[in-house]
Amino acid sequence: MRRRIFPLTAFSIAVILLITGVSLILFFSESLFQIKTVTIAGNPETVNTSVLSRQKNLLLLSQNKLKQELIAASPWIEDVEVKKQFPSTLQLVIHERIAIAEYQDEANRFFLDKTGRLMPVLSVKNFNTVQVFCSIAEKSTGQTVTNQLVLHGLLLIDAFKKTVGNEIFKLTCQEDVKTIQLSLPDTTVLVSADSEPEKTVSSLQLLLKQFRIEGNRPETIDMRFEKPVLIPNGIEVPVLSIPETSEEASQDATKI
């Protein structure tokens, strides 16, 4: 019996050519587009290299997926640009988080950005940061602080740095009365946990300017009330309790 030969249709030919083409691309791309060089614009120490070690082929690499993996695995990275330079170079442009505070206990030391993100210590950088003396439950890099007093204090520090400068050197939390204590040279500032950071810093900026003109600073500036209360040197401040009225707080103090 003679076999009947059926001619290939145009669709069948197209499928065969497509499969052959894809196979050839995959075969040659394994060697032709193998990642051989990674260039990093920024601090290489902030990059989790284990994420990069999994990347083999530049052609098949998903830029968005790699970006998300790098941000998730690298606490210091706020954003990253992933660029391909064919045939074999991967380029990363790192946008680092800005450290504004530092926390240290007996077992841990972290830097914090304005959002409360915990970041590991870097060996190649020193930061002019505020020391944090507050309760922080989170103890792993990459976590975000949940203590609301700390988070509010970080917003105050960030706003202060942008408008006034780096005078704040310590952040202390009075947990029982929901009070934030900011330490400046020769002055302590008391702020309530529900204050507006920008408004508070703006008022504080005007006060500090006035003190510079007068050549004298009060020992404590209590900004937990509608009008700031100035407490001169030598007067003991009951920082662990909030007076019910500003009149009560103004005893032995100068009220503006």
Protein backbone atom coordinates (compact mmCIF):
# COMPACT_ATOMS: atom_id res chain seq x y z
CA MET A 1 0.00 0.00 0.00
CA ARG A 2 1.37 3.38 -0.98
CA ARG A 3 1.62 6.06 1.74
CA ARG A 4 -0.20 9.25 1.07
CA ILE A 5 1.89 12.37 1.69
CA PHE A 6 -0.03 15.39 2.95
CA PRO A 7 1.48 18.77 2.09
CA LEU A 8 2.28 21.12 4.99
CA THR A 9 -0.07 24.01 5.41
CA ALA A 10 1.17 27.58 5.76
CA PHE A 11 0.17 27.52 9.44
CA SER A 12 2.21 24.38 10.14
CA ILE A 13 5.24 25.87 8.44
CA ALA A 14 4.89 29.06 10.49
CA VAL A 15 4.71 27.08 13.74
CA ILE A 16 7.80 25.06 12.84
CA LEU A 17 9.74 28.20 11.94
CA LEU A 18 8.65 29.90 15.16
CA ILE A 19 9.73 26.98 17.34
CA THR A 20 13.02 26.73 15.48
CA GLY A 21 13.64 30.46 15.84
CA VAL A 22 12.90 30.49 19.57
CA SER A 23 15.15 27.46 20.09
CA LEU A 24 18.00 29.16 18.25
CA ILE A 25 17.55 32.38 20.25
CA LEU A 26 17.60 30.50 23.55
CA PHE A 27 20.60 28.46 22.46
CA PHE A 28 22.72 31.43 21.42
CA SER A 29 21.51 33.76 24.19
CA GLU A 30 22.90 31.45 26.86
CA SER A 31 26.40 32.45 25.86
CA LEU A 32 25.92 35.63 23.83
CA PHE A 33 23.81 37.48 26.46
CA GLN A 34 25.32 36.01 29.60
CA ILE A 35 25.79 38.74 32.24
CA LYS A 36 29.52 39.25 32.63
CA THR A 37 29.70 42.74 34.14
CA VAL A 38 27.60 44.57 36.75
CA THR A 39 28.23 48.29 37.23
CA ILE A 40 26.79 50.10 40.26
CA ALA A 41 26.34 53.87 40.46
CA GLY A 42 26.16 54.41 44.21
CA ASN A 43 27.47 52.59 47.25
CA PRO A 44 27.93 48.87 46.38
CA GLU A 45 27.72 48.00 50.08
CA THR A 46 24.00 48.83 50.05
CA VAL A 47 23.26 46.13 47.44
CA ASN A 48 22.36 42.58 48.45
CA THR A 49 24.64 40.67 46.08
CA SER A 50 22.76 37.39 46.54
CA VAL A 51 19.98 38.87 44.38
CA LEU A 52 22.46 39.65 41.60
CA SER A 53 24.04 36.20 41.71
CA ARG A 54 20.75 34.70 40.51
CA GLN A 55 20.74 36.82 37.35
CA LYS A 56 22.34 34.99 34.41
CA ASN A 57 20.90 36.18 31.10
CA LEU A 58 20.66 39.85 30.17
CA LEU A 59 18.17 39.29 27.35
CA LEU A 60 15.69 37.36 29.51
CA LEU A 61 16.13 39.52 32.62
CA SER A 62 13.01 41.32 33.89
CA GLN A 63 14.08 44.82 34.93
CA ASN A 64 10.99 45.50 37.04
CA LYS A 65 11.24 42.16 38.87
CA LEU A 66 14.93 42.70 39.65
CA LYS A 67 14.16 46.22 40.89
CA GLN A 68 11.53 44.94 43.32
CA GLU A 69 13.82 42.13 44.54
CA LEU A 70 16.70 44.54 45.18
CA ILE A 71 14.50 46.97 47.14
CA ALA A 72 13.01 44.15 49.22
CA ALA A 73 16.40 42.59 50.01
CA SER A 74 18.43 45.78 50.54
CA PRO A 75 17.22 48.01 53.43
CA TRP A 76 19.33 50.98 52.30
CA ILE A 77 17.85 51.09 48.78
CA GLU A 78 14.86 53.41 48.37
CA ASP A 79 14.81 53.11 44.58
CA VAL A 80 17.01 51.63 41.87
CA GLU A 81 17.25 52.05 38.12
CA VAL A 82 17.99 48.81 36.25
CA LYS A 83 19.54 49.25 32.81
CA LYS A 84 20.69 46.77 30.18
CA GLN A 85 23.79 47.42 28.11
CA PHE A 86 24.00 44.68 25.53
CA PRO A 87 25.46 42.24 25.06
CA SER A 88 26.61 41.47 28.63
CA THR A 89 26.54 44.45 31.05
CA LEU A 90 23.95 45.13 33.75
CA GLN A 91 23.84 48.68 35.14
CA LEU A 92 22.33 49.69 38.49
CA VAL A 93 21.76 53.27 39.64
CA ILE A 94 21.16 53.24 43.40
CA HIS A 95 19.06 55.84 45.22
CA GLU A 96 19.83 55.42 48.92
CA ARG A 97 17.65 56.17 51.89
CA ILE A 98 18.88 59.09 54.00
CA ALA A 99 19.86 58.20 57.56
CA ILE A 100 18.69 60.84 60.05
CA ALA A 101 18.82 58.91 63.32
CA GLU A 102 20.69 56.09 65.04
CA TYR A 103 19.52 53.52 67.58
CA GLN A 104 21.75 51.30 69.68
CA ASP A 105 21.17 48.86 72.51
CA GLU A 106 23.30 46.11 74.06
CA ALA A 107 22.96 43.82 71.05
CA ASN A 108 21.98 45.97 68.07
CA ARG A 109 22.88 49.12 66.21
CA PHE A 110 20.80 50.56 63.37
CA PHE A 111 20.36 53.69 61.33
CA LEU A 112 16.84 55.00 60.66
CA ASP A 113 15.42 57.08 57.84
CA LYS A 114 12.44 59.42 58.19
CA THR A 115 9.97 56.55 57.69
CA GLY A 116 11.41 54.49 60.55
CA ARG A 117 13.11 51.91 58.35
CA LEU A 118 15.90 50.06 60.18
CA MET A 119 19.14 49.96 58.18
CA PRO A 120 22.43 48.19 58.94
CA VAL A 121 25.65 50.02 59.74
CA LEU A 122 27.84 50.74 56.71
CA SER A 123 31.61 50.49 56.95
CA VAL A 124 32.35 53.23 54.42
CA LYS A 125 30.13 56.02 55.70
CA ASN A 126 29.74 58.15 58.79
CA PHE A 127 26.47 60.00 59.32
CA ASN A 128 25.60 63.09 61.34
CA THR A 129 22.59 61.47 62.97
CA VAL A 130 20.38 61.95 66.02
CA GLN A 131 20.74 59.42 68.84
CA VAL A 132 17.41 57.73 69.64
CA PHE A 133 16.59 56.86 73.27
CA CYS A 134 13.20 55.23 72.86
CA SER A 135 11.66 51.78 73.04
CA ILE A 136 11.99 49.95 69.72
CA ALA A 137 10.54 46.44 69.50
CA GLU A 138 11.82 45.70 66.00
CA LYS A 139 15.35 44.26 65.95
CA SER A 140 15.98 43.25 62.32
CA THR A 141 17.24 45.33 59.42
CA GLY A 142 14.58 46.03 56.82
CA GLN A 143 11.81 46.27 59.40
CA THR A 144 9.93 49.52 60.04
CA VAL A 145 9.55 50.92 63.55
CA THR A 146 5.98 50.82 64.89
CA ASN A 147 6.46 53.03 67.97
CA GLN A 148 4.36 56.10 67.10
CA LEU A 149 6.44 58.43 69.29
CA VAL A 150 9.59 57.41 67.41
CA LEU A 151 7.91 57.83 64.03
CA HIS A 152 6.62 61.28 64.97
CA GLY A 153 10.01 62.25 66.34
CA LEU A 154 11.67 61.23 63.07
CA LEU A 155 9.28 63.47 61.12
CA LEU A 156 10.18 66.36 63.44
CA ILE A 157 13.90 65.71 62.97
CA ASP A 158 13.52 65.53 59.19
CA ALA A 159 11.56 68.79 59.05
CA PHE A 160 14.08 70.46 61.39
CA LYS A 161 17.06 69.37 59.28
CA LYS A 162 15.46 70.75 56.12
CA THR A 163 14.63 74.18 57.54
CA VAL A 164 16.96 74.83 60.48
CA GLY A 165 19.95 72.48 60.39
CA ASN A 166 21.58 69.69 62.37
CA GLU A 167 21.30 71.08 65.90
CA ILE A 168 19.20 68.20 67.26
CA PHE A 169 21.50 65.51 68.66
CA LYS A 170 19.15 63.36 70.77
CA LEU A 171 15.56 62.11 70.62
CA THR A 172 14.03 60.85 73.86
CA CYS A 173 10.53 59.40 74.25
CA GLN A 174 8.47 60.01 77.40
CA GLU A 175 6.23 57.01 76.77
CA ASP A 176 3.85 57.43 79.72
CA VAL A 177 2.82 60.99 78.81
CA LYS A 178 3.23 60.74 75.01
CA THR A 179 5.88 63.44 74.91
CA ILE A 180 8.84 63.78 72.55
CA GLN A 181 11.98 65.38 73.92
CA LEU A 182 14.42 66.90 71.43
CA SER A 183 17.86 67.83 72.74
CA LEU A 184 19.66 70.81 71.19
CA PRO A 185 22.84 72.50 72.44
CA ASP A 186 21.86 74.29 75.69
CA THR A 187 18.13 73.72 75.07
CA THR A 188 15.56 70.95 75.45
CA VAL A 189 12.35 71.04 73.40
CA LEU A 190 9.19 69.22 74.54
CA VAL A 191 6.66 68.29 71.85
CA SER A 192 3.37 66.40 72.07
CA ALA A 193 2.80 63.26 70.02
CA ASP A 194 -0.13 64.78 68.12
CA SER A 195 1.65 67.95 66.99
CA GLU A 196 2.04 68.91 63.34
CA PRO A 197 5.76 68.53 62.46
CA GLU A 198 5.98 71.36 59.90
CA LYS A 199 4.01 73.81 62.05
CA THR A 200 5.98 72.91 65.18
CA VAL A 201 9.34 73.28 63.45
CA SER A 202 8.30 76.58 61.89
CA SER A 203 7.43 78.00 65.33
CA LEU A 204 10.63 76.61 66.80
CA GLN A 205 12.67 78.17 64.00
CA LEU A 206 11.28 81.63 64.83
CA LEU A 207 12.03 81.14 68.52
CA LEU A 208 15.62 80.05 67.90
CA LYS A 209 16.16 83.04 65.62
CA GLN A 210 14.88 85.34 68.37
CA PHE A 211 17.19 83.70 70.92
CA ARG A 212 20.20 84.18 68.65
CA ILE A 213 19.41 87.89 68.37
CA GLU A 214 18.99 88.21 72.14
CA GLY A 215 22.05 86.07 72.83
CA ASN A 216 20.23 83.88 75.33
CA ARG A 217 18.42 80.54 75.19
CA PRO A 218 16.01 79.13 77.78
CA GLU A 219 16.86 75.76 79.25
CA THR A 220 13.55 74.28 78.07
CA ILE A 221 11.02 75.17 75.37
CA ASP A 222 7.71 73.46 76.07
CA MET A 223 5.71 73.36 72.83
CA ARG A 224 2.92 71.09 74.04
CA PHE A 225 0.51 74.00 74.28
CA GLU A 226 -1.09 76.52 71.97
CA LYS A 227 1.64 79.00 72.88
CA PRO A 228 5.20 77.87 73.68
CA VAL A 229 6.32 78.08 77.30
CA LEU A 230 9.91 79.14 77.96
CA ILE A 231 11.51 77.82 81.12
CA PRO A 232 14.76 79.57 82.09
CA ASN A 233 17.90 78.01 83.51
CA GLY A 234 17.69 76.84 87.08
CA ILE A 235 13.98 75.91 87.00
CA GLU A 236 13.23 72.21 87.30
CA VAL A 237 10.89 71.00 84.56
CA PRO A 238 8.30 68.29 85.33
CA VAL A 239 8.78 66.58 81.96
CA LEU A 240 7.05 63.42 83.11
CA SER A 241 3.67 65.10 83.46
CA ILE A 242 1.75 67.40 81.17
CA PRO A 243 0.00 70.29 82.96
CA GLU A 244 -3.68 70.61 82.17
CA THR A 245 -3.38 74.26 81.14
CA SER A 246 -0.68 76.52 79.79
CA GLU A 247 -1.26 78.83 82.79
CA GLU A 248 -0.23 76.01 85.12
CA ALA A 249 2.85 75.33 83.01
CA SER A 250 3.85 78.98 82.96
CA GLN A 251 4.49 79.13 86.68
CA ASP A 252 8.17 80.05 87.15
CA ALA A 253 8.44 80.33 83.36
CA THR A 254 8.30 82.96 80.67
CA LYS A 255 5.32 82.65 78.36
CA ILE A 256 5.31 84.12 74.87
